[in-house]
Structures are given as structure tokens and as C-alpha cells.
Amino acid sequence: MVAFYDGINDIAYWCRHDSDLISTQRQGQIRAALVQMRAQAEAKWTFSRTFSQLSDLLTKLIARSPQPTSETSIDAQYLCDNSAETAGHVARRIVETWKTADALADGKGDRFVAILQPVASVGAPHLDHLTFPPLKQEILAQYPAVYPLIRAYATEAGISFIDLSHAYDGDDPLYIDFCHVSPQAHHQLVPRLNATLREQWMIPPTTGITSQQ
């Protein structure tokens, strides 16, 4: 069995204003490092490295300085909550990944299972014990915009998936931040997940997922 546990990281990155829905989250960082390495190699025997060191220092100081935190600047960093088109692109990207994985697994005689992760802004979990800063509030706003589209597109594509977005609904304070949960939450979710796997995907009773995984 091949299982994908998706939703949180995909949306947190692909809904960003600087995402192109093709590259990974680290691609820009890797490209910048490669450019810097190339420049250092070319400037090895010149005085340009002396001046570039000053530039590097200024860049680091700017990065450490307080960043704009106004509602406008924060809201502009993530697009899915304000753009149905972007939300649709992100949802389709996730479902297309599931379709590809399903085809690859099937070609090898394996079974593919897509699992949609629970997140604090979808469903009705207990959150009174948590306080979210403005940027986290903006990230949380992306999931209600994208999750319904994932469900719709997956159904349209004929992809069976396990929807755990309501797994932590109720009065128990299970979340410790916007997406991570307590050990008690894992102990609640795992039996439910294993039961679904055994019922819908015919997983033998002697196998399954543990709360440590």
C-alpha cells in the first residue's frame, strides 16, 4: 500500500504569492545559493568579493529586521482565500498528484491511498486554548478555500480518498498549533484510520498504522 498524507504543506506553499505551482518550496533557495556560489567562483581573484561581502552582510541585517506586518502586506502573501482561480489551481495540483501516484502504484500491482489531513481551520475543533498571530491566521484562511475544491475534483476524477478534515472535531483541545496535535489526538485518529483502511482497502487486521508513525 502506498499512502499520501496531504493537504497542509501543499496549500501552505502553493497558495503563496511567489509560488508557480511547479517548483518545490526550496527551489528558489537552491537557485539563489547556486548563483552565489558561481559569483564567488568567478570573483575569486578579484576585489569584487570584498564588496560582495558587504552586500552579504547588509542582506543578512535586512533579513533580521522586523518585516511589515500590516493586514494588507500579510493578506497579499497568500492568494487562495481571495482568488478562486488560484485555489482551483492548487486543488487540481493536489488531485493530479494523487492521480499520478494512483496510476504508478496500480502499474506495480500496489494500492494507492490518498489521505486529506486535518487542519485547525476546517471542521469544528476546539481552539480556545490557542492564539494565532496574523500570519498564521492568513495561512489558516487558505484551507477552507481549497479543501472543498479538493473534495470536488477528487470525486470528479474518481479518486477514492480518506477525508480526515473533521477528525478532531469536538470539545477536546487536541491541536497544539494550527496543524500539529497532541499524542492524545494521534491515539484517537489512528484506530479510525486503520478501521477505514481495513474496511475500504481490505488491509489485513495484522497490519496498519501506529500512533508513533
Protein backbone atom coordinates (compact mmCIF):
# COMPACT_ATOMS: atom_id res chain seq x y z
CA MET A 1 0.00 0.00 0.00
CA VAL A 2 1.22 3.49 -0.88
CA ALA A 3 -0.32 6.28 1.20
CA PHE A 4 -0.08 10.04 0.68
CA TYR A 5 -0.95 12.20 3.70
CA ASP A 6 -1.52 15.57 2.04
CA GLY A 7 -3.05 18.99 2.40
CA ILE A 8 -1.28 21.14 4.97
CA ASN A 9 2.18 21.71 3.49
CA ASP A 10 0.91 21.68 -0.11
CA ILE A 11 -1.54 24.51 0.49
CA ALA A 12 0.76 26.47 2.81
CA TYR A 13 3.31 26.68 -0.02
CA TRP A 14 1.30 26.65 -3.24
CA CYS A 15 -1.07 29.38 -2.06
CA ARG A 16 1.87 31.74 -1.54
CA HIS A 17 2.06 34.69 -3.89
CA ASP A 18 5.54 33.65 -5.08
CA SER A 19 4.67 30.01 -5.90
CA ASP A 20 4.47 28.90 -9.51
CA LEU A 21 2.78 25.54 -8.69
CA ILE A 22 5.68 23.73 -10.37
CA SER A 23 8.73 24.26 -8.20
CA THR A 24 9.16 22.96 -4.69
CA GLN A 25 9.37 25.20 -1.65
CA ARG A 26 13.19 25.03 -1.60
CA GLN A 27 13.83 25.59 -5.31
CA GLY A 28 14.21 29.36 -5.00
CA GLN A 29 16.58 28.94 -2.08
CA ILE A 30 18.67 26.40 -4.02
CA ARG A 31 18.83 28.64 -7.10
CA ALA A 32 19.95 31.61 -5.01
CA ALA A 33 22.68 29.52 -3.41
CA LEU A 34 23.91 28.33 -6.81
CA VAL A 35 24.04 31.88 -8.14
CA GLN A 36 26.03 32.98 -5.10
CA MET A 37 28.45 30.06 -5.44
CA ARG A 38 29.01 30.83 -9.12
CA ALA A 39 29.62 34.50 -8.38
CA GLN A 40 32.13 33.64 -5.68
CA ALA A 41 33.99 31.29 -8.01
CA GLU A 42 34.18 33.91 -10.76
CA ALA A 43 35.33 36.61 -8.35
CA LYS A 44 37.94 34.52 -6.59
CA TRP A 45 40.91 36.53 -7.91
CA THR A 46 39.31 39.97 -7.98
CA PHE A 47 38.39 42.66 -5.46
CA SER A 48 34.70 42.15 -6.17
CA ARG A 49 34.43 39.60 -3.36
CA THR A 50 35.41 42.30 -0.86
CA PHE A 51 32.40 44.37 -1.88
CA SER A 52 30.09 41.36 -2.13
CA GLN A 53 30.88 40.53 1.49
CA LEU A 54 29.47 43.91 2.47
CA SER A 55 26.41 43.15 0.36
CA ASP A 56 26.01 39.78 2.10
CA LEU A 57 26.19 41.49 5.50
CA LEU A 58 23.55 44.06 4.56
CA THR A 59 21.30 41.30 3.21
CA LYS A 60 21.53 39.41 6.50
CA LEU A 61 20.80 42.54 8.52
CA ILE A 62 17.76 43.33 6.41
CA ALA A 63 16.51 39.75 6.76
CA ARG A 64 16.75 40.03 10.56
CA SER A 65 14.95 43.35 10.73
CA PRO A 66 11.21 43.41 11.54
CA GLN A 67 9.14 42.69 8.47
CA PRO A 68 5.91 44.51 7.56
CA THR A 69 3.00 43.05 9.45
CA SER A 70 0.09 45.19 8.29
CA GLU A 71 -3.09 43.41 7.27
CA THR A 72 -2.52 44.43 3.65
CA SER A 73 1.00 43.03 3.41
CA ILE A 74 0.07 39.78 5.18
CA ASP A 75 -3.06 39.28 3.11
CA ALA A 76 -1.05 39.74 -0.08
CA GLN A 77 1.32 36.90 0.80
CA TYR A 78 -1.35 34.19 0.33
CA LEU A 79 -3.82 34.18 -2.51
CA CYS A 80 -6.20 31.23 -2.30
CA ASP A 81 -8.64 32.85 0.12
CA ASN A 82 -9.08 35.80 -2.25
CA SER A 83 -8.67 34.08 -5.63
CA ALA A 84 -10.97 31.25 -6.68
CA GLU A 85 -8.71 30.70 -9.69
CA THR A 86 -5.60 30.17 -7.55
CA ALA A 87 -7.49 27.96 -5.11
CA GLY A 88 -8.67 25.87 -8.05
CA HIS A 89 -5.16 25.53 -9.43
CA VAL A 90 -3.82 24.36 -6.06
CA ALA A 91 -6.64 21.86 -5.55
CA ARG A 92 -6.19 20.43 -9.04
CA ARG A 93 -2.43 20.15 -8.49
CA ILE A 94 -3.01 18.02 -5.40
CA VAL A 95 -5.59 15.81 -7.13
CA GLU A 96 -3.40 15.42 -10.23
CA THR A 97 -0.56 14.26 -7.96
CA TRP A 98 -2.93 11.69 -6.45
CA LYS A 99 -3.97 10.52 -9.92
CA THR A 100 -0.34 10.07 -10.98
CA ALA A 101 0.55 8.21 -7.81
CA ASP A 102 -2.51 6.00 -8.18
CA ALA A 103 -1.54 5.09 -11.76
CA LEU A 104 2.07 4.35 -10.79
CA ALA A 105 1.04 2.19 -7.83
CA ASP A 106 -1.53 0.32 -9.89
CA GLY A 107 1.06 -0.35 -12.58
CA LYS A 108 3.23 -2.05 -9.97
CA GLY A 109 0.36 -4.07 -8.55
CA ASP A 110 0.14 -1.91 -5.43
CA ARG A 111 -2.72 0.04 -3.89
CA PHE A 112 -2.69 3.81 -3.51
CA VAL A 113 -4.48 5.62 -0.70
CA ALA A 114 -4.86 9.40 -0.59
CA ILE A 115 -5.49 10.94 2.83
CA LEU A 116 -6.60 14.53 3.34
CA GLN A 117 -5.06 15.90 6.52
CA PRO A 118 -6.96 17.57 9.36
CA VAL A 119 -6.18 21.24 9.93
CA ALA A 120 -7.39 23.67 12.56
CA SER A 121 -9.41 25.93 10.23
CA VAL A 122 -11.52 23.13 8.72
CA GLY A 123 -14.22 21.41 10.74
CA ALA A 124 -15.12 22.33 14.30
CA PRO A 125 -12.14 21.57 16.55
CA HIS A 126 -11.64 23.09 20.00
CA LEU A 127 -9.23 26.01 19.63
CA ASP A 128 -9.97 28.25 22.62
CA HIS A 129 -6.61 27.39 24.16
CA LEU A 130 -4.67 28.69 21.13
CA THR A 131 -3.81 32.15 19.85
CA PHE A 132 -2.78 32.58 16.22
CA PRO A 133 -0.66 35.57 15.10
CA PRO A 134 -1.82 37.43 11.97
CA LEU A 135 0.38 35.48 9.56
CA LYS A 136 -0.86 32.13 10.88
CA GLN A 137 -4.44 33.42 10.62
CA GLU A 138 -3.79 34.19 6.97
CA ILE A 139 -2.36 30.71 6.36
CA LEU A 140 -5.35 29.15 8.12
CA ALA A 141 -7.69 31.07 5.81
CA GLN A 142 -6.34 29.19 2.79
CA TYR A 143 -7.66 25.75 3.78
CA PRO A 144 -11.41 26.47 3.79
CA ALA A 145 -10.92 27.89 0.29
CA VAL A 146 -9.07 24.86 -1.10
CA TYR A 147 -10.35 21.79 0.77
CA PRO A 148 -13.88 21.83 -0.75
CA LEU A 149 -12.31 22.00 -4.21
CA ILE A 150 -10.02 19.05 -3.45
CA ARG A 151 -13.09 17.01 -2.49
CA ALA A 152 -14.94 18.05 -5.63
CA TYR A 153 -12.05 17.45 -8.04
CA ALA A 154 -11.12 14.11 -6.45
CA THR A 155 -14.71 12.91 -6.75
CA GLU A 156 -14.81 14.12 -10.34
CA ALA A 157 -11.56 12.25 -11.09
CA GLY A 158 -12.78 9.06 -9.45
CA ILE A 159 -10.06 9.15 -6.77
CA SER A 160 -11.16 7.50 -3.54
CA PHE A 161 -9.58 9.23 -0.57
CA ILE A 162 -9.88 9.30 3.19
CA ASP A 163 -11.09 12.69 4.39
CA LEU A 164 -9.76 13.35 7.89
CA SER A 165 -10.52 17.06 7.87
CA HIS A 166 -13.12 16.60 10.64
CA ALA A 167 -11.13 14.03 12.64
CA TYR A 168 -10.51 16.40 15.56
CA ASP A 169 -13.93 18.00 15.83
CA GLY A 170 -15.26 18.20 19.38
CA ASP A 171 -14.55 19.68 22.78
CA ASP A 172 -11.13 18.13 23.44
CA PRO A 173 -8.17 20.56 22.98
CA LEU A 174 -6.21 18.36 20.59
CA TYR A 175 -4.35 20.93 18.47
CA ILE A 176 -1.10 22.39 19.76
CA ASP A 177 -0.81 24.82 16.84
CA PHE A 178 -2.58 25.32 13.53
CA CYS A 179 -1.72 21.85 12.21
CA HIS A 180 0.15 19.79 14.84
CA VAL A 181 -1.67 17.83 17.51
CA SER A 182 -1.11 16.15 20.86
CA PRO A 183 -0.33 12.45 21.41
CA GLN A 184 -3.91 12.03 22.59
CA ALA A 185 -5.09 13.21 19.18
CA HIS A 186 -2.97 10.58 17.44
CA HIS A 187 -4.40 7.88 19.69
CA GLN A 188 -7.89 8.97 18.62
CA LEU A 189 -7.14 9.21 14.93
CA VAL A 190 -5.11 6.05 14.37
CA PRO A 191 -7.85 3.49 15.22
CA ARG A 192 -10.28 5.38 13.00
CA LEU A 193 -7.79 5.48 10.14
CA ASN A 194 -6.93 1.79 10.46
CA ALA A 195 -10.61 0.84 10.54
CA THR A 196 -11.20 2.80 7.33
CA LEU A 197 -8.19 1.21 5.63
CA ARG A 198 -9.34 -2.29 6.56
CA GLU A 199 -12.92 -1.64 5.52
CA GLN A 200 -12.38 0.20 2.25
CA TRP A 201 -8.94 -1.04 1.18
CA MET A 202 -9.10 -4.53 2.72
CA ILE A 203 -5.90 -4.11 4.73
CA PRO A 204 -5.28 -7.25 6.87
CA PRO A 205 -6.00 -6.84 10.62
CA THR A 206 -2.38 -7.68 11.48
CA THR A 207 -1.07 -4.57 9.66
CA GLY A 208 -1.81 -0.91 9.93
CA ILE A 209 -0.55 2.46 11.10
CA THR A 210 0.62 3.07 14.66
CA SER A 211 0.29 6.29 16.62
CA GLN A 212 4.10 6.63 16.57
CA GLN A 213 4.05 6.80 12.75
